[in-house]
C-alpha atoms as a PDB file:
ATOM      1  CA  MET A   1      36.375 -18.784 -19.101  1.00  0.00           C
ATOM      2  CA  LEU A   2      37.780 -15.301 -18.526  1.00  0.00           C
ATOM      3  CA  ILE A   3      38.840 -14.804 -14.908  1.00  0.00           C
ATOM      4  CA  PRO A   4      37.765 -11.367 -13.592  1.00  0.00           C
ATOM      5  CA  ALA A   5      40.461  -9.156 -12.076  1.00  0.00           C
ATOM      6  CA  SER A   6      38.247  -8.649  -9.034  1.00  0.00           C
ATOM      7  CA  LEU A   7      38.682 -12.327  -8.162  1.00  0.00           C
ATOM      8  CA  PHE A   8      42.442 -11.904  -7.892  1.00  0.00           C
ATOM      9  CA  ILE A   9      41.936  -8.858  -5.665  1.00  0.00           C
ATOM     10  CA  VAL A  10      39.610 -10.828  -3.355  1.00  0.00           C
ATOM     11  CA  ILE A  11      42.124 -13.663  -3.083  1.00  0.00           C
ATOM     12  CA  PHE A  12      44.950 -11.206  -2.385  1.00  0.00           C
ATOM     13  CA  LEU A  13      42.929  -9.453   0.344  1.00  0.00           C
ATOM     14  CA  ALA A  14      41.832 -12.776   1.850  1.00  0.00           C
ATOM     15  CA  LEU A  15      45.429 -13.984   2.088  1.00  0.00           C
ATOM     16  CA  THR A  16      46.459 -10.610   3.544  1.00  0.00           C
ATOM     17  CA  TYR A  17      43.743 -11.051   6.166  1.00  0.00           C
ATOM     18  CA  ALA A  18      45.113 -14.550   6.920  1.00  0.00           C
ATOM     19  CA  PHE A  19      48.624 -13.148   7.367  1.00  0.00           C
ATOM     20  CA  ILE A  20      47.446 -10.403   9.745  1.00  0.00           C
ATOM     21  CA  ASN A  21      45.228 -12.891  11.568  1.00  0.00           C
ATOM     22  CA  GLY A  22      48.208 -15.179  12.129  1.00  0.00           C
ATOM     23  CA  MET A  23      50.374 -12.285  13.278  1.00  0.00           C
ATOM     24  CA  ARG A  24      47.746 -11.087  15.745  1.00  0.00           C
ATOM     25  CA  ASP A  25      46.550 -14.415  17.087  1.00  0.00           C
ATOM     26  CA  SER A  26      50.033 -15.875  17.499  1.00  0.00           C
ATOM     27  CA  SER A  27      50.236 -13.661  20.562  1.00  0.00           C
ATOM     28  CA  SER A  28      47.217 -15.404  22.055  1.00  0.00           C
ATOM     29  CA  ILE A  29      48.825 -18.814  21.670  1.00  0.00           C
ATOM     30  CA  VAL A  30      52.359 -18.071  22.856  1.00  0.00           C
ATOM     31  CA  ALA A  31      51.765 -15.274  25.397  1.00  0.00           C
ATOM     32  CA  THR A  32      51.407 -17.526  28.434  1.00  0.00           C
ATOM     33  CA  MET A  33      54.301 -19.837  27.549  1.00  0.00           C
ATOM     34  CA  ILE A  34      56.597 -16.847  26.975  1.00  0.00           C
ATOM     35  CA  SER A  35      55.467 -14.905  30.053  1.00  0.00           C
ATOM     36  CA  SER A  36      55.888 -17.982  32.269  1.00  0.00           C
ATOM     37  CA  ARG A  37      59.411 -18.385  30.820  1.00  0.00           C
ATOM     38  CA  SER A  38      58.627 -21.897  29.640  1.00  0.00           C
ATOM     39  CA  PHE A  39      59.888 -21.235  26.084  1.00  0.00           C
ATOM     40  CA  HIS A  40      62.068 -18.738  24.264  1.00  0.00           C
ATOM     41  CA  PRO A  41      59.861 -16.416  22.159  1.00  0.00           C
ATOM     42  CA  ARG A  42      61.276 -17.437  18.773  1.00  0.00           C
ATOM     43  CA  ALA A  43      61.078 -21.143  19.580  1.00  0.00           C
ATOM     44  CA  ALA A  44      57.468 -20.726  20.713  1.00  0.00           C
ATOM     45  CA  LEU A  45      56.490 -18.800  17.571  1.00  0.00           C
ATOM     46  CA  GLY A  46      58.268 -21.228  15.236  1.00  0.00           C
ATOM     47  CA  MET A  47      56.650 -24.280  16.788  1.00  0.00           C
ATOM     48  CA  THR A  48      53.248 -22.576  16.697  1.00  0.00           C
ATOM     49  CA  ALA A  49      53.621 -21.587  13.021  1.00  0.00           C
ATOM     50  CA  VAL A  50      54.384 -25.167  11.938  1.00  0.00           C
ATOM     51  CA  ALA A  51      51.436 -26.581  13.900  1.00  0.00           C
ATOM     52  CA  GLU A  52      49.074 -23.918  12.522  1.00  0.00           C
ATOM     53  CA  PHE A  53      50.038 -24.783   8.951  1.00  0.00           C
ATOM     54  CA  PHE A  54      49.049 -28.421   9.413  1.00  0.00           C
ATOM     55  CA  GLY A  55      45.816 -27.657  11.306  1.00  0.00           C
ATOM     56  CA  PRO A  56      43.451 -27.292   8.312  1.00  0.00           C
ATOM     57  CA  LEU A  57      45.200 -30.137   6.487  1.00  0.00           C
ATOM     58  CA  ILE A  58      44.389 -32.480   9.378  1.00  0.00           C
ATOM     59  CA  PHE A  59      40.942 -31.398  10.553  1.00  0.00           C
ATOM     60  CA  GLY A  60      39.169 -30.580   7.286  1.00  0.00           C
ATOM     61  CA  VAL A  61      37.072 -27.612   6.161  1.00  0.00           C
ATOM     62  CA  THR A  62      33.861 -27.750   8.203  1.00  0.00           C
ATOM     63  CA  VAL A  63      34.227 -24.174   9.439  1.00  0.00           C
ATOM     64  CA  ALA A  64      34.981 -22.981   5.886  1.00  0.00           C
ATOM     65  CA  LYS A  65      31.607 -24.381   4.795  1.00  0.00           C
ATOM     66  CA  THR A  66      29.927 -22.283   7.478  1.00  0.00           C
ATOM     67  CA  ILE A  67      31.723 -19.109   6.362  1.00  0.00           C
ATOM     68  CA  ALA A  68      31.056 -19.722   2.661  1.00  0.00           C
ATOM     69  CA  GLY A  69      27.494 -20.980   2.840  1.00  0.00           C
ATOM     70  CA  ASP A  70      25.721 -19.959   6.053  1.00  0.00           C
ATOM     71  CA  ILE A  71      26.317 -16.208   6.452  1.00  0.00           C
ATOM     72  CA  ILE A  72      25.879 -14.445   3.111  1.00  0.00           C
ATOM     73  CA  SER A  73      24.250 -15.626  -0.117  1.00  0.00           C
ATOM     74  CA  SER A  74      26.519 -16.394  -3.073  1.00  0.00           C
ATOM     75  CA  GLU A  75      23.558 -15.788  -5.408  1.00  0.00           C
ATOM     76  CA  VAL A  76      23.241 -12.160  -4.300  1.00  0.00           C
ATOM     77  CA  ILE A  77      26.657 -10.974  -3.100  1.00  0.00           C
ATOM     78  CA  SER A  78      29.255  -9.615  -5.550  1.00  0.00           C
ATOM     79  CA  LEU A  79      33.022  -9.918  -5.678  1.00  0.00           C
ATOM     80  CA  GLN A  80      33.316  -6.180  -5.042  1.00  0.00           C
ATOM     81  CA  ALA A  81      31.287  -6.571  -1.859  1.00  0.00           C
ATOM     82  CA  LEU A  82      33.638  -9.358  -0.744  1.00  0.00           C
ATOM     83  CA  MET A  83      36.610  -7.089  -1.423  1.00  0.00           C
ATOM     84  CA  VAL A  84      35.107  -4.310   0.657  1.00  0.00           C
ATOM     85  CA  GLY A  85      34.192  -6.698   3.482  1.00  0.00           C
ATOM     86  CA  LEU A  86      37.770  -7.965   3.665  1.00  0.00           C
ATOM     87  CA  ALA A  87      39.117  -4.403   3.515  1.00  0.00           C
ATOM     88  CA  GLY A  88      36.955  -3.362   6.465  1.00  0.00           C
ATOM     89  CA  ALA A  89      38.149  -6.336   8.517  1.00  0.00           C
ATOM     90  CA  ILE A  90      41.800  -5.656   7.663  1.00  0.00           C
ATOM     91  CA  VAL A  91      41.552  -1.959   8.595  1.00  0.00           C
ATOM     92  CA  TRP A  92      40.062  -2.734  12.002  1.00  0.00           C
ATOM     93  CA  ASN A  93      42.593  -5.520  12.643  1.00  0.00           C
ATOM     94  CA  LEU A  94      45.485  -3.165  11.894  1.00  0.00           C
ATOM     95  CA  ILE A  95      44.078  -0.435  14.139  1.00  0.00           C
ATOM     96  CA  THR A  96      43.632  -2.770  17.113  1.00  0.00           C
ATOM     97  CA  TRP A  97      47.028  -4.399  16.468  1.00  0.00           C
ATOM     98  CA  TYR A  98      48.748  -0.998  16.465  1.00  0.00           C
ATOM     99  CA  PHE A  99      47.253  -0.074  19.837  1.00  0.00           C
ATOM    100  CA  GLY A 100      47.860  -3.554  21.299  1.00  0.00           C
ATOM    101  CA  ILE A 101      44.178  -4.381  21.781  1.00  0.00           C
ATOM    102  CA  PRO A 102      43.434  -8.132  21.447  1.00  0.00           C
ATOM    103  CA  SER A 103      40.115  -7.763  19.658  1.00  0.00           C
ATOM    104  CA  SER A 104      38.749 -10.540  17.484  1.00  0.00           C
ATOM    105  CA  SER A 105      39.865 -11.037  13.874  1.00  0.00           C
ATOM    106  CA  SER A 106      36.876 -13.353  13.464  1.00  0.00           C
ATOM    107  CA  HIS A 107      34.471 -10.666  14.639  1.00  0.00           C
ATOM    108  CA  ALA A 108      36.111  -8.218  12.253  1.00  0.00           C
ATOM    109  CA  LEU A 109      35.684 -10.584   9.301  1.00  0.00           C
ATOM    110  CA  ILE A 110      32.044 -11.357  10.069  1.00  0.00           C
ATOM    111  CA  GLY A 111      31.254  -7.683  10.628  1.00  0.00           C
ATOM    112  CA  GLY A 112      33.071  -6.641   7.462  1.00  0.00           C
ATOM    113  CA  LEU A 113      31.307  -9.199   5.282  1.00  0.00           C
ATOM    114  CA  VAL A 114      27.855  -8.471   6.686  1.00  0.00           C
ATOM    115  CA  GLY A 115      28.343  -4.695   6.450  1.00  0.00           C
ATOM    116  CA  ALA A 116      29.371  -4.973   2.806  1.00  0.00           C
ATOM    117  CA  ALA A 117      26.505  -7.352   2.040  1.00  0.00           C
ATOM    118  CA  LEU A 118      23.917  -5.073   3.628  1.00  0.00           C
ATOM    119  CA  ILE A 119      24.980  -1.892   1.841  1.00  0.00           C
ATOM    120  CA  SER A 120      25.429  -3.620  -1.527  1.00  0.00           C
ATOM    121  CA  SER A 121      22.421  -5.940  -1.635  1.00  0.00           C
ATOM    122  CA  GLY A 122      20.267  -5.392   1.440  1.00  0.00           C
ATOM    123  CA  TRP A 123      19.036  -7.897   4.009  1.00  0.00           C
ATOM    124  CA  ASN A 124      18.319 -10.547   1.369  1.00  0.00           C
ATOM    125  CA  ALA A 125      22.087 -11.034   1.046  1.00  0.00           C
ATOM    126  CA  VAL A 126      22.409 -12.079   4.710  1.00  0.00           C
ATOM    127  CA  LYS A 127      21.309 -15.532   5.854  1.00  0.00           C
ATOM    128  CA  LEU A 128      19.905 -14.614   9.244  1.00  0.00           C
ATOM    129  CA  THR A 129      19.751 -18.171  10.610  1.00  0.00           C
ATOM    130  CA  GLY A 130      23.405 -18.870   9.876  1.00  0.00           C
ATOM    131  CA  PHE A 131      24.472 -15.382  10.931  1.00  0.00           C
ATOM    132  CA  THR A 132      22.701 -15.815  14.272  1.00  0.00           C
ATOM    133  CA  LYS A 133      24.376 -19.204  14.785  1.00  0.00           C
ATOM    134  CA  VAL A 134      27.793 -17.692  14.151  1.00  0.00           C
ATOM    135  CA  LEU A 135      27.119 -14.760  16.490  1.00  0.00           C
ATOM    136  CA  LEU A 136      26.076 -17.130  19.270  1.00  0.00           C
ATOM    137  CA  ALA A 137      29.250 -19.178  18.804  1.00  0.00           C
ATOM    138  CA  LEU A 138      31.436 -16.065  18.854  1.00  0.00           C
ATOM    139  CA  PHE A 139      29.862 -14.642  21.996  1.00  0.00           C
ATOM    140  CA  ILE A 140      29.298 -17.857  23.980  1.00  0.00           C
ATOM    141  CA  SER A 141      32.741 -19.391  23.415  1.00  0.00           C
ATOM    142  CA  PRO A 142      34.545 -16.840  25.664  1.00  0.00           C
ATOM    143  CA  LEU A 143      32.144 -17.675  28.503  1.00  0.00           C
ATOM    144  CA  VAL A 144      32.870 -21.356  27.989  1.00  0.00           C
ATOM    145  CA  GLY A 145      36.602 -20.587  27.992  1.00  0.00           C
ATOM    146  CA  PHE A 146      36.288 -18.709  31.298  1.00  0.00           C
ATOM    147  CA  PHE A 147      34.370 -21.456  33.112  1.00  0.00           C
ATOM    148  CA  VAL A 148      36.429 -24.332  31.708  1.00  0.00           C
ATOM    149  CA  GLY A 149      39.659 -22.539  32.666  1.00  0.00           C
ATOM    150  CA  PHE A 150      38.271 -21.886  36.150  1.00  0.00           C
ATOM    151  CA  VAL A 151      37.406 -25.562  36.642  1.00  0.00           C
ATOM    152  CA  ILE A 152      40.601 -26.960  35.101  1.00  0.00           C
ATOM    153  CA  LEU A 153      42.904 -25.004  37.429  1.00  0.00           C
ATOM    154  CA  ARG A 154      40.865 -26.109  40.443  1.00  0.00           C
ATOM    155  CA  LEU A 155      41.193 -29.729  39.306  1.00  0.00           C
ATOM    156  CA  ILE A 156      44.935 -29.320  38.744  1.00  0.00           C
ATOM    157  CA  TYR A 157      45.368 -28.012  42.300  1.00  0.00           C
ATOM    158  CA  VAL A 158      43.291 -30.872  43.721  1.00  0.00           C
ATOM    159  CA  PHE A 159      45.330 -33.552  41.940  1.00  0.00           C
ATOM    160  CA  SER A 160      48.703 -31.911  42.649  1.00  0.00           C
ATOM    161  CA  GLN A 161      48.157 -30.775  46.230  1.00  0.00           C
ATOM    162  CA  HIS A 162      50.751 -33.228  47.578  1.00  0.00           C
ATOM    163  CA  ALA A 163      53.269 -32.681  44.781  1.00  0.00           C
ATOM    164  CA  THR A 164      56.775 -31.316  45.325  1.00  0.00           C
ATOM    165  CA  PRO A 165      57.941 -27.981  43.828  1.00  0.00           C
ATOM    166  CA  ASN A 166      59.364 -29.998  40.928  1.00  0.00           C
ATOM    167  CA  ILE A 167      55.809 -30.097  39.549  1.00  0.00           C
ATOM    168  CA  ASN A 168      56.648 -26.727  37.962  1.00  0.00           C
ATOM    169  CA  ASN A 169      59.064 -28.499  35.618  1.00  0.00           C
ATOM    170  CA  PHE A 170      56.233 -30.766  34.529  1.00  0.00           C
ATOM    171  CA  PHE A 171      54.002 -27.781  33.728  1.00  0.00           C
ATOM    172  CA  LYS A 172      56.840 -26.089  31.828  1.00  0.00           C
ATOM    173  CA  LYS A 173      57.690 -29.101  29.695  1.00  0.00           C
ATOM    174  CA  SER A 174      54.077 -30.152  29.162  1.00  0.00           C
ATOM    175  CA  GLN A 175      53.312 -26.853  27.484  1.00  0.00           C
ATOM    176  CA  ILE A 176      54.985 -28.117  24.340  1.00  0.00           C
ATOM    177  CA  PHE A 177      52.048 -30.528  23.957  1.00  0.00           C
ATOM    178  CA  THR A 178      49.300 -28.121  25.009  1.00  0.00           C
ATOM    179  CA  ALA A 179      50.772 -25.367  22.819  1.00  0.00           C
ATOM    180  CA  ILE A 180      50.873 -27.648  19.765  1.00  0.00           C
ATOM    181  CA  ALA A 181      47.285 -28.741  20.412  1.00  0.00           C
ATOM    182  CA  LEU A 182      46.182 -25.101  20.728  1.00  0.00           C
ATOM    183  CA  ALA A 183      48.084 -24.103  17.571  1.00  0.00           C
ATOM    184  CA  LEU A 184      46.557 -26.976  15.594  1.00  0.00           C
ATOM    185  CA  SER A 185      43.064 -26.011  16.730  1.00  0.00           C
ATOM    186  CA  HIS A 186      43.684 -22.336  15.953  1.00  0.00           C
ATOM    187  CA  GLY A 187      45.141 -23.123  12.541  1.00  0.00           C
ATOM    188  CA  THR A 188      42.222 -25.249  11.519  1.00  0.00           C
ATOM    189  CA  ASN A 189      39.550 -22.843  12.818  1.00  0.00           C
ATOM    190  CA  ASP A 190      41.007 -19.525  11.692  1.00  0.00           C
ATOM    191  CA  ALA A 191      42.620 -20.599   8.417  1.00  0.00           C
ATOM    192  CA  GLN A 192      39.271 -22.052   7.414  1.00  0.00           C
ATOM    193  CA  LYS A 193      37.740 -18.575   7.562  1.00  0.00           C
ATOM    194  CA  THR A 194      40.093 -17.474   4.788  1.00  0.00           C
ATOM    195  CA  ILE A 195      39.477 -20.753   2.964  1.00  0.00           C
ATOM    196  CA  GLY A 196      35.731 -20.126   3.156  1.00  0.00           C
ATOM    197  CA  VAL A 197      35.979 -16.583   1.772  1.00  0.00           C
ATOM    198  CA  ILE A 198      38.217 -17.615  -1.139  1.00  0.00           C
ATOM    199  CA  THR A 199      35.984 -20.582  -1.964  1.00  0.00           C
ATOM    200  CA  LEU A 200      32.934 -18.296  -1.874  1.00  0.00           C
ATOM    201  CA  SER A 201      34.670 -15.914  -4.298  1.00  0.00           C
ATOM    202  CA  LEU A 202      35.425 -18.808  -6.658  1.00  0.00           C
ATOM    203  CA  ILE A 203      31.752 -19.797  -6.612  1.00  0.00           C
ATOM    204  CA  ILE A 204      30.621 -16.218  -7.291  1.00  0.00           C
ATOM    205  CA  ALA A 205      33.120 -15.901 -10.145  1.00  0.00           C
ATOM    206  CA  GLY A 206      31.889 -19.161 -11.671  1.00  0.00           C
ATOM    207  CA  GLN A 207      35.238 -20.927 -11.309  1.00  0.00           C
ATOM    208  CA  ILE A 208      33.655 -23.761  -9.305  1.00  0.00           C
ATOM    209  CA  SER A 209      30.002 -24.793  -9.256  1.00  0.00           C
ATOM    210  CA  ASP A 210      29.633 -25.819  -5.602  1.00  0.00           C
ATOM    211  CA  PHE A 211      31.538 -25.955  -2.321  1.00  0.00           C
ATOM    212  CA  ASN A 212      34.506 -28.102  -3.269  1.00  0.00           C
ATOM    213  CA  VAL A 213      37.660 -26.507  -1.855  1.00  0.00           C
ATOM    214  CA  PRO A 214      40.696 -26.672  -4.175  1.00  0.00           C
ATOM    215  CA  PHE A 215      43.803 -27.953  -2.411  1.00  0.00           C
ATOM    216  CA  TRP A 216      45.793 -24.838  -3.311  1.00  0.00           C
ATOM    217  CA  VAL A 217      43.308 -22.709  -1.365  1.00  0.00           C
ATOM    218  CA  ILE A 218      43.955 -24.731   1.802  1.00  0.00           C
ATOM    219  CA  VAL A 219      47.740 -24.614   1.387  1.00  0.00           C
ATOM    220  CA  ALA A 220      47.817 -20.889   0.555  1.00  0.00           C
ATOM    221  CA  SER A 221      45.542 -19.920   3.454  1.00  0.00           C
ATOM    222  CA  ALA A 222      47.398 -22.085   5.977  1.00  0.00           C
ATOM    223  CA  GLY A 223      50.759 -20.891   4.661  1.00  0.00           C
ATOM    224  CA  MET A 224      49.924 -17.207   4.985  1.00  0.00           C
ATOM    225  CA  MET A 225      48.587 -17.673   8.492  1.00  0.00           C
ATOM    226  CA  ALA A 226      51.726 -19.590   9.468  1.00  0.00           C
ATOM    227  CA  ALA A 227      53.908 -16.835   7.985  1.00  0.00           C
ATOM    228  CA  GLY A 228      52.083 -14.197  10.030  1.00  0.00           C
ATOM    229  CA  THR A 229      52.423 -16.334  13.135  1.00  0.00           C
ATOM    230  CA  ALA A 230      56.179 -16.699  12.651  1.00  0.00           C
ATOM    231  CA  LEU A 231      56.541 -12.905  12.810  1.00  0.00           C
ATOM    232  CA  GLY A 232      54.461 -12.623  15.956  1.00  0.00           C
ATOM    233  CA  GLY A 233      52.435  -9.762  17.427  1.00  0.00           C
ATOM    234  CA  TRP A 234      54.606  -8.430  20.230  1.00  0.00           C
ATOM    235  CA  ARG A 235      52.237  -5.683  21.324  1.00  0.00           C
ATOM    236  CA  LEU A 236      49.507  -8.216  22.016  1.00  0.00           C
ATOM    237  CA  ILE A 237      51.909 -10.676  23.638  1.00  0.00           C
ATOM    238  CA  ARG A 238      52.652  -8.007  26.250  1.00  0.00           C
ATOM    239  CA  THR A 239      48.947  -7.378  26.823  1.00  0.00           C
ATOM    240  CA  LEU A 240      47.926 -11.013  27.178  1.00  0.00           C
ATOM    241  CA  GLY A 241      51.085 -12.175  28.878  1.00  0.00           C
ATOM    242  CA  GLY A 242      51.550  -9.589  31.585  1.00  0.00           C
ATOM    243  CA  LYS A 243      48.699  -7.169  32.086  1.00  0.00           C
ATOM    244  CA  PHE A 244      46.153  -9.616  33.550  1.00  0.00           C
ATOM    245  CA  TYR A 245      48.390 -11.012  36.308  1.00  0.00           C
ATOM    246  CA  LYS A 246      51.802 -12.658  36.802  1.00  0.00           C
ATOM    247  CA  ILE A 247      51.590 -15.898  34.823  1.00  0.00           C
ATOM    248  CA  ARG A 248      53.354 -19.014  36.095  1.00  0.00           C
ATOM    249  CA  PRO A 249      53.840 -22.348  34.271  1.00  0.00           C
ATOM    250  CA  VAL A 250      50.710 -23.861  35.814  1.00  0.00           C
ATOM    251  CA  HIS A 251      48.643 -20.947  34.468  1.00  0.00           C
ATOM    252  CA  GLY A 252      50.124 -21.360  30.989  1.00  0.00           C
ATOM    253  CA  PHE A 253      49.430 -25.092  31.002  1.00  0.00           C
ATOM    254  CA  ALA A 254      45.819 -24.662  32.187  1.00  0.00           C
ATOM    255  CA  THR A 255      45.120 -21.825  29.746  1.00  0.00           C
ATOM    256  CA  GLN A 256      46.439 -23.700  26.719  1.00  0.00           C
ATOM    257  CA  LEU A 257      44.648 -26.909  27.662  1.00  0.00           C
ATOM    258  CA  THR A 258      41.391 -25.012  28.098  1.00  0.00           C
ATOM    259  CA  SER A 259      41.687 -23.002  24.894  1.00  0.00           C
ATOM    260  CA  GLY A 260      42.699 -25.966  22.742  1.00  0.00           C
ATOM    261  CA  CYS A 261      39.732 -28.039  23.942  1.00  0.00           C
ATOM    262  CA  VAL A 262      37.195 -25.244  23.399  1.00  0.00           C
ATOM    263  CA  ILE A 263      38.474 -24.223  19.944  1.00  0.00           C
ATOM    264  CA  LEU A 264      38.860 -27.782  18.646  1.00  0.00           C
ATOM    265  CA  THR A 265      35.363 -28.710  19.830  1.00  0.00           C
ATOM    266  CA  ALA A 266      33.936 -25.678  18.028  1.00  0.00           C
ATOM    267  CA  THR A 267      35.917 -26.525  14.882  1.00  0.00           C
ATOM    268  CA  LEU A 268      34.656 -30.108  14.722  1.00  0.00           C
ATOM    269  CA  THR A 269      31.080 -28.808  14.940  1.00  0.00           C
ATOM    270  CA  GLY A 270      31.684 -26.256  12.178  1.00  0.00           C
ATOM    271  CA  LEU A 271      31.507 -23.164  14.388  1.00  0.00           C
ATOM    272  CA  PRO A 272      33.920 -20.257  13.859  1.00  0.00           C
ATOM    273  CA  VAL A 273      35.223 -18.857  17.139  1.00  0.00           C
ATOM    274  CA  SER A 274      37.774 -16.226  18.089  1.00  0.00           C
ATOM    275  CA  THR A 275      41.080 -17.561  19.381  1.00  0.00           C
ATOM    276  CA  SER A 276      41.980 -14.262  21.026  1.00  0.00           C
ATOM    277  CA  GLN A 277      38.627 -14.232  22.821  1.00  0.00           C
ATOM    278  CA  VAL A 278      38.836 -17.824  24.005  1.00  0.00           C
ATOM    279  CA  VAL A 279      42.452 -17.519  25.183  1.00  0.00           C
ATOM    280  CA  SER A 280      41.855 -14.175  26.913  1.00  0.00           C
ATOM    281  CA  SER A 281      38.806 -15.497  28.734  1.00  0.00           C
ATOM    282  CA  ALA A 282      40.660 -18.701  29.653  1.00  0.00           C
ATOM    283  CA  ILE A 283      43.520 -16.623  31.132  1.00  0.00           C
ATOM    284  CA  ILE A 284      40.971 -14.675  33.185  1.00  0.00           C
ATOM    285  CA  GLY A 285      39.156 -17.848  34.256  1.00  0.00           C
ATOM    286  CA  VAL A 286      42.397 -19.523  35.333  1.00  0.00           C
ATOM    287  CA  GLY A 287      43.482 -16.445  37.306  1.00  0.00           C
ATOM    288  CA  ALA A 288      40.076 -16.021  38.922  1.00  0.00           C
ATOM    289  CA  SER A 289      40.107 -19.690  39.929  1.00  0.00           C
ATOM    290  CA  GLU A 290      43.207 -19.046  42.007  1.00  0.00           C
ATOM    291  CA  ARG A 291      41.990 -15.733  43.435  1.00  0.00           C
ATOM    292  CA  PHE A 292      39.472 -13.244  42.054  1.00  0.00           C
ATOM    293  CA  GLY A 293      41.575 -10.327  43.216  1.00  0.00           C
ATOM    294  CA  LYS A 294      44.520 -11.692  41.228  1.00  0.00           C
ATOM    295  CA  VAL A 295      43.062 -10.530  37.891  1.00  0.00           C
ATOM    296  CA  ARG A 296      43.373  -6.916  36.772  1.00  0.00           C
ATOM    297  CA  TRP A 297      39.710  -6.572  35.839  1.00  0.00           C
ATOM    298  CA  GLY A 298      40.184  -3.112  34.316  1.00  0.00           C
ATOM    299  CA  VAL A 299      42.282  -4.617  31.512  1.00  0.00           C
ATOM    300  CA  ALA A 300      39.679  -7.351  31.049  1.00  0.00           C
ATOM    301  CA  GLY A 301      36.996  -4.677  30.753  1.00  0.00           C
ATOM    302  CA  ASP A 302      38.925  -2.832  28.045  1.00  0.00           C
ATOM    303  CA  ILE A 303      39.260  -6.036  26.022  1.00  0.00           C
ATOM    304  CA  LEU A 304      35.580  -6.870  26.520  1.00  0.00           C
ATOM    305  CA  THR A 305      34.672  -3.459  25.118  1.00  0.00           C
ATOM    306  CA  ALA A 306      36.809  -4.142  22.033  1.00  0.00           C
ATOM    307  CA  TRP A 307      35.057  -7.490  21.569  1.00  0.00           C
ATOM    308  CA  VAL A 308      31.602  -5.898  21.679  1.00  0.00           C
ATOM    309  CA  VAL A 309      32.323  -3.043  19.264  1.00  0.00           C
ATOM    310  CA  THR A 310      34.340  -5.016  16.683  1.00  0.00           C
ATOM    311  CA  ILE A 311      31.448  -6.393  14.614  1.00  0.00           C
ATOM    312  CA  PRO A 312      29.514  -3.092  14.277  1.00  0.00           C
ATOM    313  CA  VAL A 313      32.668  -1.011  13.735  1.00  0.00           C
ATOM    314  CA  SER A 314      34.107  -3.295  11.057  1.00  0.00           C
ATOM    315  CA  ALA A 315      30.647  -3.396   9.436  1.00  0.00           C
ATOM    316  CA  VAL A 316      30.607   0.408   9.368  1.00  0.00           C
ATOM    317  CA  PHE A 317      34.137   0.476   7.922  1.00  0.00           C
ATOM    318  CA  SER A 318      33.243  -1.878   5.080  1.00  0.00           C
ATOM    319  CA  ALA A 319      29.972  -0.074   4.406  1.00  0.00           C
ATOM    320  CA  GLY A 320      31.816   3.234   4.334  1.00  0.00           C
ATOM    321  CA  ILE A 321      34.429   1.907   1.900  1.00  0.00           C
ATOM    322  CA  TYR A 322      31.675   0.562  -0.365  1.00  0.00           C
ATOM    323  CA  ALA A 323      29.796   3.872  -0.255  1.00  0.00           C
ATOM    324  CA  MET A 324      32.972   5.796  -1.073  1.00  0.00           C
ATOM    325  CA  LEU A 325      33.705   3.552  -4.083  1.00  0.00           C
ATOM    326  CA  ALA A 326      30.111   3.963  -5.270  1.00  0.00           C
ATOM    327  CA  TYR A 327      30.280   7.744  -4.830  1.00  0.00           C
ATOM    328  CA  PHE A 328      33.367   7.984  -7.040  1.00  0.00           C
ATOM    329  CA  ASN A 329      31.873   5.406  -9.421  1.00  0.00           C
ATOM    330  CA  VAL A 330      34.784   3.001  -8.909  1.00  0.00           C
ATOM    331  CA  SER A 331      34.035  -0.502 -10.158  1.00  0.00           C
ATOM    332  CA  LEU A 332      36.566  -3.312  -9.746  1.00  0.00           C
END
């Protein structure tokens, strides 16, 4: 069977998205451990990249099934629409990365895909039940991260109230375990989004008949995300690591423990969530648990605004790209 060139373009764009996603979200994972001086930046990024690569290999492809089968219809959507959806997500990710705004790569992908589906095929291309489920997961998970982080720090202070100052060494060293757990959960949740898009493109192109993920798709998606993570997103590390409040080892430990638990739970139930959202809200929850006045709420408000606008803006970007291609009669 002849393989269409558009399939190769979709795969290339999907892997580019994975690379940028890894580069952006690495900041979410390592920001607290770097800012608390628990780990050297390069050591933190290297350890995170390795753990992220193995995440989808260990925890399966449940989230990928949601992305490929529950949001847009493979019977209606075209490869060109997938290309445009990915392009819209990539453009928005690069814009927010450049300005150091930790918006959600997951929101950008969902918005880009839905925007492209709507302009190319109308509402019948969008599975409203699955789309609603994904939206709920994306918007509720930060709230869960905030409250879990709030409670976890309170519990830590209760159980360590009679500890000596040496407890700080425990929180520093323990972050190697919480950071690996967070990186594994992020790798499996976010890499699966790329896996889902590539698998969907293979179904549309007739290369596979149903959702049966080829092993090379898993390895390629995880590898590109790990490569992006190894480079790191320094602009976002500064935002997450220092602009909320002064982060100490106990804050890093509590934030990573909270985020890893929330993301892994969502992954095992097949729900795509945003790592940057969950980690940011966990940082805020942990800080607020210690003292509400400790958190710079203006920065939190700016990030919240970016979260809210990401889906509609990326949808508009992808729709605009599709309309421009149609206007110039460009068919790929």
